[in-house]
Structures are given as structure tokens and as C-alpha cells.
Amino acid sequence: MVYQEGQMDSIRNILAGKKGLIVGIANENSIAYGCANVLHQLGAQCAVTYLNDKAEKYVRPLAEGLQSPLILPLDVEQPGQLQKVFAEIERTWGSLDFIIHSIAYCPAEDLHGRVTDCSLEGFQQAMRVSCYSFIEMARLAEPLMKNGGSLITMSYYGADKVVEHYNIMGPVKSALESVSRYLANELGPKRIRVHAVSPGPLKTRAASGIAHFDQLIEDAISRAPQNRLVEIEEVGMTCAFLISNAASGLTGQTIYVDGGQHIKA
């Protein structure tokens, strides 16, 4: 872990009093968990969701370790579940300060095939889970962010440049980044800030579904000026800054946390 316990002392309570929703924790290696862990250490309260009963046994212990007051089921493809999550947030807290949206999905046959051959059903499902769900969360969060807030989604370098084997998720993430800019524009007058954070490749369960992922990892290490992979806690620290009042003048950005890989031609 890059940030040791003592190194956080100077910003220990930077998020004190802030309450937010973390969507996308699958296990301790998830980007969403890295974010939640850092935000918790910096004083935020985090509501946590899990995909289904199978996932709950892995997520619940992590959420309890974060002292999450709300641990709720959420499959964005199931009608009404997202609305139930926000209804429970409103009942418990009455307001909301931030959301970390870190979910994506594409059927394997479409993820591993050419963009040219992607099925309509696969494309629609990838967009539904990975992109449209962020719009839905923004819409439901808007009335709860009474004093402004932050909406953060997770993207990837393949949204901007062609990455071998990333395939249809490249266009999907590109759409997600565009959505974040349009949401930033529309919600700006209400002091709701919206960002896409773009980590370098990380060894998460979701990423392991990408073909030849080990080669992608090796390429990232060799290309990044820092010659290393970033850690999930570093993504969390970036999100902490974006959620904090220190980032009040920023919105609509795609922020790379990739050791500088994206600057290389």
C-alpha cells in the first residue's frame, strides 16, 4: 500500500461529515473498495452495495470493516433496485454528498470479439450496465445533493486510444466519459461536480475477463513513466481530493491515475 497509516494524518478528517454511495465492490482488490477504504479513513461515511446473494458473502465483511451504515443489494439491470437504494439513503441520511460508480459489464462473447462483430444485445447490455447506470444514479442523486456534491465514475485509457483486446468496452467507456461531461454541464448550477477517473490497468476480478490481460499489464508497466502499476488506494486518494472542498473549482474532467501511461505516444 502506497499510503501508510501515519502519512494520512495531515488530511485525516478532510471528508468528515460527508456521506456517499460506493457501487462496485466485489472483493478487497476492487477499485471501489480501494476508494471506500481511503474515504472511510478520511472521515466519510460510505453506503455500500453488493451485486447479489453470491457476492454478499465477500462484500459484507468488507463493508462492515468500513463501518458502513447501509449495505444493500444492487443489480442495475433489475427494475426498481436502484430506486430502492436511493430511497433507503434518503430515509437514513436525508442527503448525499458523493457517489463512486465503479461497475461495468459486457458478455464474454462480445468482449472477446471484434467491435465489428459485436451483437446488438451485447452492446446494449454493456452500455446499460457500464454507462446508463451512471445517468440513473445522477438523476436519483440530484435531489439528495442539496448542498452540491460529487459524482465519480471509473473509465480507462481504452476510451481514448485503441487498446488491443479491450474491444467494445473502448467505445462504451468513451460514451461514459462523454456522459460525465454532459452531466457536469447540466448539474453544475446545483454545485454537483462530475468526473471520470481513469486508472491504469489493475488486477481486479473484472479486468481478468479481458483477453491477454497479462500482456496488457506488462505493456502498461513498460510504457508508464513511473514504470509501475498504480494501486487502488492511489485511485481512492484521487477520489478523496475530488470529493473534498479542495476540488470545488473542478468539474467535467477525465483524470488519469496511471503512472503517466496516457502521455506516451
C-alpha atoms as a PDB file:
ATOM      1  CA  MET A   1       0.000   0.000   0.000  1.00  0.00           C
ATOM      2  CA  VAL A   2       1.399   3.389  -1.040  1.00  0.00           C
ATOM      3  CA  TYR A   3      -0.210   5.381   1.777  1.00  0.00           C
ATOM      4  CA  GLN A   4       0.844   4.228   5.212  1.00  0.00           C
ATOM      5  CA  GLU A   5      -1.259   4.965   8.285  1.00  0.00           C
ATOM      6  CA  GLY A   6       0.846   7.850   9.524  1.00  0.00           C
ATOM      7  CA  GLN A   7       1.001   9.543   6.144  1.00  0.00           C
ATOM      8  CA  MET A   8      -2.710  10.303   6.217  1.00  0.00           C
ATOM      9  CA  ASP A   9      -2.608  12.225   9.496  1.00  0.00           C
ATOM     10  CA  SER A  10      -2.322  15.639   7.859  1.00  0.00           C
ATOM     11  CA  ILE A  11      -5.589  15.127   5.977  1.00  0.00           C
ATOM     12  CA  ARG A  12      -7.232  12.762   8.447  1.00  0.00           C
ATOM     13  CA  ASN A  13     -10.646  14.454   8.606  1.00  0.00           C
ATOM     14  CA  ILE A  14     -10.778  16.106   5.204  1.00  0.00           C
ATOM     15  CA  LEU A  15     -14.037  14.253   4.417  1.00  0.00           C
ATOM     16  CA  ALA A  16     -15.568  14.398   7.902  1.00  0.00           C
ATOM     17  CA  GLY A  17     -19.333  14.624   7.711  1.00  0.00           C
ATOM     18  CA  LYS A  18     -19.571  13.598   4.071  1.00  0.00           C
ATOM     19  CA  LYS A  19     -21.859  10.700   3.165  1.00  0.00           C
ATOM     20  CA  GLY A  20     -21.683   8.760  -0.051  1.00  0.00           C
ATOM     21  CA  LEU A  21     -22.599   5.688  -2.040  1.00  0.00           C
ATOM     22  CA  ILE A  22     -19.980   3.204  -3.252  1.00  0.00           C
ATOM     23  CA  VAL A  23     -21.108   0.931  -6.091  1.00  0.00           C
ATOM     24  CA  GLY A  24     -18.861  -1.801  -7.446  1.00  0.00           C
ATOM     25  CA  ILE A  25     -17.144  -3.599  -4.569  1.00  0.00           C
ATOM     26  CA  ALA A  26     -16.666  -7.283  -5.406  1.00  0.00           C
ATOM     27  CA  ASN A  27     -13.687  -8.100  -3.172  1.00  0.00           C
ATOM     28  CA  GLU A  28     -10.694  -6.495  -1.463  1.00  0.00           C
ATOM     29  CA  ASN A  29      -8.967  -5.976  -4.824  1.00  0.00           C
ATOM     30  CA  SER A  30     -11.800  -3.932  -6.317  1.00  0.00           C
ATOM     31  CA  ILE A  31     -11.122  -0.323  -7.266  1.00  0.00           C
ATOM     32  CA  ALA A  32     -14.353   0.551  -5.468  1.00  0.00           C
ATOM     33  CA  TYR A  33     -13.038  -1.000  -2.253  1.00  0.00           C
ATOM     34  CA  GLY A  34      -9.756   0.878  -2.516  1.00  0.00           C
ATOM     35  CA  CYS A  35     -11.761   4.074  -2.824  1.00  0.00           C
ATOM     36  CA  ALA A  36     -14.136   3.211   0.012  1.00  0.00           C
ATOM     37  CA  ASN A  37     -11.281   2.294   2.340  1.00  0.00           C
ATOM     38  CA  VAL A  38      -9.475   5.593   1.760  1.00  0.00           C
ATOM     39  CA  LEU A  39     -12.650   7.665   2.021  1.00  0.00           C
ATOM     40  CA  HIS A  40     -13.544   5.924   5.293  1.00  0.00           C
ATOM     41  CA  GLN A  41     -10.082   6.612   6.716  1.00  0.00           C
ATOM     42  CA  LEU A  42     -10.504  10.286   5.817  1.00  0.00           C
ATOM     43  CA  GLY A  43     -13.768  10.623   7.699  1.00  0.00           C
ATOM     44  CA  ALA A  44     -16.508   9.818   5.170  1.00  0.00           C
ATOM     45  CA  GLN A  45     -19.448   7.503   5.767  1.00  0.00           C
ATOM     46  CA  CYS A  46     -19.954   5.044   2.915  1.00  0.00           C
ATOM     47  CA  ALA A  47     -23.073   3.154   1.936  1.00  0.00           C
ATOM     48  CA  VAL A  48     -22.033   0.002   0.081  1.00  0.00           C
ATOM     49  CA  THR A  49     -23.864  -2.212  -2.421  1.00  0.00           C
ATOM     50  CA  TYR A  50     -23.341  -5.807  -3.496  1.00  0.00           C
ATOM     51  CA  LEU A  51     -24.486  -7.408  -6.745  1.00  0.00           C
ATOM     52  CA  ASN A  52     -26.359 -10.472  -5.483  1.00  0.00           C
ATOM     53  CA  ASP A  53     -26.517 -13.147  -2.781  1.00  0.00           C
ATOM     54  CA  LYS A  54     -23.370 -14.827  -4.089  1.00  0.00           C
ATOM     55  CA  ALA A  55     -21.429 -11.569  -3.895  1.00  0.00           C
ATOM     56  CA  GLU A  56     -22.784 -10.583  -0.475  1.00  0.00           C
ATOM     57  CA  LYS A  57     -20.595 -13.051   1.434  1.00  0.00           C
ATOM     58  CA  TYR A  58     -17.497 -11.324   0.045  1.00  0.00           C
ATOM     59  CA  VAL A  59     -18.727  -7.738   0.224  1.00  0.00           C
ATOM     60  CA  ARG A  60     -20.481  -7.645   3.587  1.00  0.00           C
ATOM     61  CA  PRO A  61     -17.363  -8.299   5.729  1.00  0.00           C
ATOM     62  CA  LEU A  62     -15.527  -5.542   3.847  1.00  0.00           C
ATOM     63  CA  ALA A  63     -18.430  -3.138   4.297  1.00  0.00           C
ATOM     64  CA  GLU A  64     -18.658  -3.958   7.988  1.00  0.00           C
ATOM     65  CA  GLY A  65     -14.947  -3.229   8.290  1.00  0.00           C
ATOM     66  CA  LEU A  66     -15.698   0.177   6.805  1.00  0.00           C
ATOM     67  CA  GLN A  67     -18.464   0.665   9.391  1.00  0.00           C
ATOM     68  CA  SER A  68     -20.931   1.127   6.560  1.00  0.00           C
ATOM     69  CA  PRO A  69     -24.347   2.084   7.907  1.00  0.00           C
ATOM     70  CA  LEU A  70     -26.035   0.783   4.752  1.00  0.00           C
ATOM     71  CA  ILE A  71     -25.159  -2.482   2.980  1.00  0.00           C
ATOM     72  CA  LEU A  72     -27.654  -3.003   0.191  1.00  0.00           C
ATOM     73  CA  PRO A  73     -28.247  -5.281  -2.815  1.00  0.00           C
ATOM     74  CA  LEU A  74     -27.962  -3.633  -6.219  1.00  0.00           C
ATOM     75  CA  ASP A  75     -28.164  -5.105  -9.689  1.00  0.00           C
ATOM     76  CA  VAL A  76     -28.772  -2.156 -12.016  1.00  0.00           C
ATOM     77  CA  GLU A  77     -30.411  -4.485 -14.540  1.00  0.00           C
ATOM     78  CA  GLN A  78     -33.139  -5.395 -12.045  1.00  0.00           C
ATOM     79  CA  PRO A  79     -36.057  -2.927 -12.237  1.00  0.00           C
ATOM     80  CA  GLY A  80     -36.542  -0.905  -9.089  1.00  0.00           C
ATOM     81  CA  GLN A  81     -33.397  -1.958  -7.216  1.00  0.00           C
ATOM     82  CA  LEU A  82     -31.552   1.301  -7.804  1.00  0.00           C
ATOM     83  CA  GLN A  83     -34.578   3.289  -6.697  1.00  0.00           C
ATOM     84  CA  LYS A  84     -34.756   1.217  -3.500  1.00  0.00           C
ATOM     85  CA  VAL A  85     -31.108   2.004  -2.722  1.00  0.00           C
ATOM     86  CA  PHE A  86     -31.699   5.730  -3.019  1.00  0.00           C
ATOM     87  CA  ALA A  87     -34.934   5.540  -1.063  1.00  0.00           C
ATOM     88  CA  GLU A  88     -33.021   3.886   1.787  1.00  0.00           C
ATOM     89  CA  ILE A  89     -30.303   6.542   1.585  1.00  0.00           C
ATOM     90  CA  GLU A  90     -32.928   9.271   1.805  1.00  0.00           C
ATOM     91  CA  ARG A  91     -34.629   7.550   4.735  1.00  0.00           C
ATOM     92  CA  THR A  92     -31.364   7.055   6.623  1.00  0.00           C
ATOM     93  CA  TRP A  93     -29.382  10.188   5.789  1.00  0.00           C
ATOM     94  CA  GLY A  94     -31.775  12.584   4.071  1.00  0.00           C
ATOM     95  CA  SER A  95     -28.971  13.807   1.824  1.00  0.00           C
ATOM     96  CA  LEU A  96     -25.969  12.616  -0.174  1.00  0.00           C
ATOM     97  CA  ASP A  97     -22.532  14.121  -0.853  1.00  0.00           C
ATOM     98  CA  PHE A  98     -20.873  11.744  -3.315  1.00  0.00           C
ATOM     99  CA  ILE A  99     -21.152   8.641  -5.465  1.00  0.00           C
ATOM    100  CA  ILE A 100     -18.389   6.324  -6.660  1.00  0.00           C
ATOM    101  CA  HIS A 101     -19.676   4.439  -9.728  1.00  0.00           C
ATOM    102  CA  SER A 102     -17.323   1.547 -10.482  1.00  0.00           C
ATOM    103  CA  ILE A 103     -19.338  -1.056 -12.369  1.00  0.00           C
ATOM    104  CA  ALA A 104     -19.003  -2.390 -15.894  1.00  0.00           C
ATOM    105  CA  TYR A 105     -20.084  -5.493 -17.745  1.00  0.00           C
ATOM    106  CA  CYS A 106     -20.047  -6.985 -21.226  1.00  0.00           C
ATOM    107  CA  PRO A 107     -20.951 -10.543 -22.262  1.00  0.00           C
ATOM    108  CA  ALA A 108     -17.764 -12.531 -22.836  1.00  0.00           C
ATOM    109  CA  GLU A 109     -18.512 -13.378 -26.460  1.00  0.00           C
ATOM    110  CA  ASP A 110     -18.832  -9.677 -27.296  1.00  0.00           C
ATOM    111  CA  LEU A 111     -15.940  -8.558 -25.101  1.00  0.00           C
ATOM    112  CA  HIS A 112     -13.589 -11.047 -26.739  1.00  0.00           C
ATOM    113  CA  GLY A 113     -14.739 -10.409 -30.286  1.00  0.00           C
ATOM    114  CA  ARG A 114     -14.170  -7.602 -32.741  1.00  0.00           C
ATOM    115  CA  VAL A 115     -16.133  -4.378 -32.381  1.00  0.00           C
ATOM    116  CA  THR A 116     -17.232  -5.068 -35.946  1.00  0.00           C
ATOM    117  CA  ASP A 117     -18.913  -8.289 -34.804  1.00  0.00           C
ATOM    118  CA  CYS A 118     -20.456  -7.074 -31.541  1.00  0.00           C
ATOM    119  CA  SER A 119     -24.074  -8.129 -31.150  1.00  0.00           C
ATOM    120  CA  LEU A 120     -26.798  -5.574 -30.564  1.00  0.00           C
ATOM    121  CA  GLU A 121     -27.767  -7.341 -27.354  1.00  0.00           C
ATOM    122  CA  GLY A 122     -24.187  -7.360 -26.066  1.00  0.00           C
ATOM    123  CA  PHE A 123     -23.679  -3.706 -26.906  1.00  0.00           C
ATOM    124  CA  GLN A 124     -26.926  -2.697 -25.249  1.00  0.00           C
ATOM    125  CA  GLN A 125     -26.127  -4.645 -22.090  1.00  0.00           C
ATOM    126  CA  ALA A 126     -22.615  -3.203 -21.885  1.00  0.00           C
ATOM    127  CA  MET A 127     -23.991   0.308 -22.265  1.00  0.00           C
ATOM    128  CA  ARG A 128     -26.849  -0.356 -19.841  1.00  0.00           C
ATOM    129  CA  VAL A 129     -24.626  -1.556 -17.004  1.00  0.00           C
ATOM    130  CA  SER A 130     -21.454   0.441 -17.650  1.00  0.00           C
ATOM    131  CA  CYS A 131     -22.791   3.788 -18.799  1.00  0.00           C
ATOM    132  CA  TYR A 132     -26.539   4.341 -18.477  1.00  0.00           C
ATOM    133  CA  SER A 133     -26.489   3.311 -14.818  1.00  0.00           C
ATOM    134  CA  PHE A 134     -24.326   6.378 -14.126  1.00  0.00           C
ATOM    135  CA  ILE A 135     -27.003   8.605 -15.672  1.00  0.00           C
ATOM    136  CA  GLU A 136     -29.638   6.924 -13.494  1.00  0.00           C
ATOM    137  CA  MET A 137     -27.569   7.450 -10.369  1.00  0.00           C
ATOM    138  CA  ALA A 138     -27.049  11.107 -11.226  1.00  0.00           C
ATOM    139  CA  ARG A 139     -30.783  11.594 -11.689  1.00  0.00           C
ATOM    140  CA  LEU A 140     -31.609   9.944  -8.365  1.00  0.00           C
ATOM    141  CA  ALA A 141     -28.786  11.713  -6.531  1.00  0.00           C
ATOM    142  CA  GLU A 142     -29.660  15.193  -7.778  1.00  0.00           C
ATOM    143  CA  PRO A 143     -32.485  15.910  -5.285  1.00  0.00           C
ATOM    144  CA  LEU A 144     -30.408  14.481  -2.417  1.00  0.00           C
ATOM    145  CA  MET A 145     -27.356  16.640  -3.152  1.00  0.00           C
ATOM    146  CA  LYS A 146     -28.963  19.679  -1.599  1.00  0.00           C
ATOM    147  CA  ASN A 147     -25.674  21.449  -0.946  1.00  0.00           C
ATOM    148  CA  GLY A 148     -23.852  20.185  -4.002  1.00  0.00           C
ATOM    149  CA  GLY A 149     -21.856  17.011  -4.326  1.00  0.00           C
ATOM    150  CA  SER A 150     -19.560  14.859  -6.437  1.00  0.00           C
ATOM    151  CA  LEU A 151     -20.306  12.095  -8.912  1.00  0.00           C
ATOM    152  CA  ILE A 152     -17.309   9.988  -9.934  1.00  0.00           C
ATOM    153  CA  THR A 153     -17.189   7.139 -12.438  1.00  0.00           C
ATOM    154  CA  MET A 154     -14.325   4.858 -13.464  1.00  0.00           C
ATOM    155  CA  SER A 155     -13.049   4.848 -17.026  1.00  0.00           C
ATOM    156  CA  TYR A 156      -9.938   3.530 -18.785  1.00  0.00           C
ATOM    157  CA  TYR A 157      -7.341   4.663 -21.330  1.00  0.00           C
ATOM    158  CA  GLY A 158      -9.063   2.497 -23.958  1.00  0.00           C
ATOM    159  CA  ALA A 159     -11.818   5.116 -24.123  1.00  0.00           C
ATOM    160  CA  ASP A 160      -9.435   7.482 -25.888  1.00  0.00           C
ATOM    161  CA  LYS A 161      -6.959   5.209 -27.677  1.00  0.00           C
ATOM    162  CA  VAL A 162      -7.297   1.772 -29.224  1.00  0.00           C
ATOM    163  CA  VAL A 163      -6.080  -0.849 -26.747  1.00  0.00           C
ATOM    164  CA  GLU A 164      -5.711  -4.335 -28.154  1.00  0.00           C
ATOM    165  CA  HIS A 165      -8.287  -6.785 -26.757  1.00  0.00           C
ATOM    166  CA  TYR A 166     -10.267  -4.061 -24.943  1.00  0.00           C
ATOM    167  CA  ASN A 167     -12.655  -4.199 -27.878  1.00  0.00           C
ATOM    168  CA  ILE A 168     -16.232  -2.970 -27.407  1.00  0.00           C
ATOM    169  CA  MET A 169     -15.514  -1.664 -23.912  1.00  0.00           C
ATOM    170  CA  GLY A 170     -13.451   1.104 -25.526  1.00  0.00           C
ATOM    171  CA  PRO A 171     -16.479   2.735 -27.190  1.00  0.00           C
ATOM    172  CA  VAL A 172     -18.559   2.073 -24.059  1.00  0.00           C
ATOM    173  CA  LYS A 173     -16.039   3.842 -21.810  1.00  0.00           C
ATOM    174  CA  SER A 174     -15.762   6.658 -24.347  1.00  0.00           C
ATOM    175  CA  ALA A 175     -19.522   7.137 -24.059  1.00  0.00           C
ATOM    176  CA  LEU A 176     -19.202   7.115 -20.271  1.00  0.00           C
ATOM    177  CA  GLU A 177     -16.599   9.884 -20.348  1.00  0.00           C
ATOM    178  CA  SER A 178     -18.810  11.956 -22.646  1.00  0.00           C
ATOM    179  CA  VAL A 179     -21.788  11.384 -20.354  1.00  0.00           C
ATOM    180  CA  SER A 180     -19.749  12.642 -17.402  1.00  0.00           C
ATOM    181  CA  ARG A 181     -19.038  15.902 -19.234  1.00  0.00           C
ATOM    182  CA  TYR A 182     -22.680  16.462 -20.153  1.00  0.00           C
ATOM    183  CA  LEU A 183     -23.784  15.699 -16.597  1.00  0.00           C
ATOM    184  CA  ALA A 184     -21.162  18.144 -15.310  1.00  0.00           C
ATOM    185  CA  ASN A 185     -22.598  20.832 -17.546  1.00  0.00           C
ATOM    186  CA  GLU A 186     -26.206  20.189 -16.596  1.00  0.00           C
ATOM    187  CA  LEU A 187     -25.661  19.761 -12.849  1.00  0.00           C
ATOM    188  CA  GLY A 188     -23.042  22.475 -12.430  1.00  0.00           C
ATOM    189  CA  PRO A 189     -25.562  25.169 -11.437  1.00  0.00           C
ATOM    190  CA  LYS A 190     -26.507  22.967  -8.459  1.00  0.00           C
ATOM    191  CA  ARG A 191     -22.842  22.669  -7.448  1.00  0.00           C
ATOM    192  CA  ILE A 192     -22.808  18.989  -8.340  1.00  0.00           C
ATOM    193  CA  ARG A 193     -19.410  18.155  -9.817  1.00  0.00           C
ATOM    194  CA  VAL A 194     -18.908  15.200 -12.142  1.00  0.00           C
ATOM    195  CA  HIS A 195     -15.666  13.459 -13.091  1.00  0.00           C
ATOM    196  CA  ALA A 196     -14.370  10.347 -14.790  1.00  0.00           C
ATOM    197  CA  VAL A 197     -11.292   8.863 -13.134  1.00  0.00           C
ATOM    198  CA  SER A 198      -9.179   6.723 -15.458  1.00  0.00           C
ATOM    199  CA  PRO A 199      -6.888   4.309 -13.589  1.00  0.00           C
ATOM    200  CA  GLY A 200      -4.208   2.313 -15.328  1.00  0.00           C
ATOM    201  CA  PRO A 201      -4.781  -1.438 -15.585  1.00  0.00           C
ATOM    202  CA  LEU A 202      -5.269  -3.085 -12.212  1.00  0.00           C
ATOM    203  CA  LYS A 203      -5.502  -6.736 -11.298  1.00  0.00           C
ATOM    204  CA  THR A 204      -9.180  -6.746 -10.430  1.00  0.00           C
ATOM    205  CA  ARG A 205     -11.669  -9.551 -10.987  1.00  0.00           C
ATOM    206  CA  ALA A 206     -13.441  -7.553 -13.693  1.00  0.00           C
ATOM    207  CA  ALA A 207     -10.218  -6.828 -15.574  1.00  0.00           C
ATOM    208  CA  SER A 208      -9.267 -10.502 -15.610  1.00  0.00           C
ATOM    209  CA  GLY A 209     -12.022 -11.067 -18.161  1.00  0.00           C
ATOM    210  CA  ILE A 210     -10.058  -9.132 -20.786  1.00  0.00           C
ATOM    211  CA  ALA A 211      -8.169 -11.409 -23.170  1.00  0.00           C
ATOM    212  CA  HIS A 212      -4.362 -11.342 -22.875  1.00  0.00           C
ATOM    213  CA  PHE A 213      -4.645  -9.210 -19.739  1.00  0.00           C
ATOM    214  CA  ASP A 214      -1.168 -10.214 -18.534  1.00  0.00           C
ATOM    215  CA  GLN A 215       0.316  -8.710 -21.691  1.00  0.00           C
ATOM    216  CA  LEU A 216      -1.678  -5.530 -21.145  1.00  0.00           C
ATOM    217  CA  ILE A 217      -0.226  -5.291 -17.631  1.00  0.00           C
ATOM    218  CA  GLU A 218       3.319  -5.757 -18.916  1.00  0.00           C
ATOM    219  CA  ASP A 219       2.808  -3.106 -21.598  1.00  0.00           C
ATOM    220  CA  ALA A 220       1.437  -0.645 -19.028  1.00  0.00           C
ATOM    221  CA  ILE A 221       4.442  -1.090 -16.763  1.00  0.00           C
ATOM    222  CA  SER A 222       6.902  -0.650 -19.609  1.00  0.00           C
ATOM    223  CA  ARG A 223       5.146   2.415 -21.045  1.00  0.00           C
ATOM    224  CA  ALA A 224       4.344   4.319 -17.864  1.00  0.00           C
ATOM    225  CA  PRO A 225       6.993   6.910 -16.899  1.00  0.00           C
ATOM    226  CA  GLN A 226       6.813   5.573 -13.341  1.00  0.00           C
ATOM    227  CA  ASN A 227       7.385   2.021 -14.646  1.00  0.00           C
ATOM    228  CA  ARG A 228       4.802   0.521 -12.340  1.00  0.00           C
ATOM    229  CA  LEU A 229       1.122  -0.137 -11.878  1.00  0.00           C
ATOM    230  CA  VAL A 230      -0.843   2.184  -9.645  1.00  0.00           C
ATOM    231  CA  GLU A 231      -2.602   0.830  -6.557  1.00  0.00           C
ATOM    232  CA  ILE A 232      -6.270   1.005  -5.705  1.00  0.00           C
ATOM    233  CA  GLU A 233      -5.503   3.283  -2.740  1.00  0.00           C
ATOM    234  CA  GLU A 234      -3.982   5.831  -5.125  1.00  0.00           C
ATOM    235  CA  VAL A 235      -7.236   5.881  -7.063  1.00  0.00           C
ATOM    236  CA  GLY A 236      -9.002   6.349  -3.734  1.00  0.00           C
ATOM    237  CA  MET A 237      -6.829   9.320  -2.800  1.00  0.00           C
ATOM    238  CA  THR A 238      -7.621  10.975  -6.137  1.00  0.00           C
ATOM    239  CA  CYS A 239     -11.327  10.463  -5.494  1.00  0.00           C
ATOM    240  CA  ALA A 240     -10.928  11.858  -1.979  1.00  0.00           C
ATOM    241  CA  PHE A 241      -9.468  15.046  -3.428  1.00  0.00           C
ATOM    242  CA  LEU A 242     -12.280  15.329  -5.988  1.00  0.00           C
ATOM    243  CA  ILE A 243     -14.919  14.838  -3.294  1.00  0.00           C
ATOM    244  CA  SER A 244     -13.293  17.302  -0.920  1.00  0.00           C
ATOM    245  CA  ASN A 245     -13.901  21.036  -0.899  1.00  0.00           C
ATOM    246  CA  ALA A 246     -10.343  21.465  -2.189  1.00  0.00           C
ATOM    247  CA  ALA A 247     -11.616  20.470  -5.659  1.00  0.00           C
ATOM    248  CA  SER A 248     -14.565  22.884  -5.671  1.00  0.00           C
ATOM    249  CA  GLY A 249     -13.373  24.545  -8.888  1.00  0.00           C
ATOM    250  CA  LEU A 250     -13.091  21.327 -10.900  1.00  0.00           C
ATOM    251  CA  THR A 251     -15.772  19.529 -12.875  1.00  0.00           C
ATOM    252  CA  GLY A 252     -16.163  17.617 -16.110  1.00  0.00           C
ATOM    253  CA  GLN A 253     -12.624  16.240 -16.092  1.00  0.00           C
ATOM    254  CA  THR A 254     -11.229  12.861 -17.067  1.00  0.00           C
ATOM    255  CA  ILE A 255      -8.402  12.380 -14.593  1.00  0.00           C
ATOM    256  CA  TYR A 256      -5.763   9.758 -15.290  1.00  0.00           C
ATOM    257  CA  VAL A 257      -4.273   7.807 -12.390  1.00  0.00           C
ATOM    258  CA  ASP A 258      -1.946   5.601 -14.392  1.00  0.00           C
ATOM    259  CA  GLY A 259       1.625   6.492 -13.553  1.00  0.00           C
ATOM    260  CA  GLY A 260       1.687   8.692 -16.649  1.00  0.00           C
ATOM    261  CA  GLN A 261       0.999   5.941 -19.189  1.00  0.00           C
ATOM    262  CA  HIS A 262      -1.525   8.084 -21.088  1.00  0.00           C
ATOM    263  CA  ILE A 263       1.071  10.723 -22.021  1.00  0.00           C
ATOM    264  CA  LYS A 264       3.147   8.278 -24.065  1.00  0.00           C
ATOM    265  CA  ALA A 265       2.658   8.146 -27.831  1.00  0.00           C
END
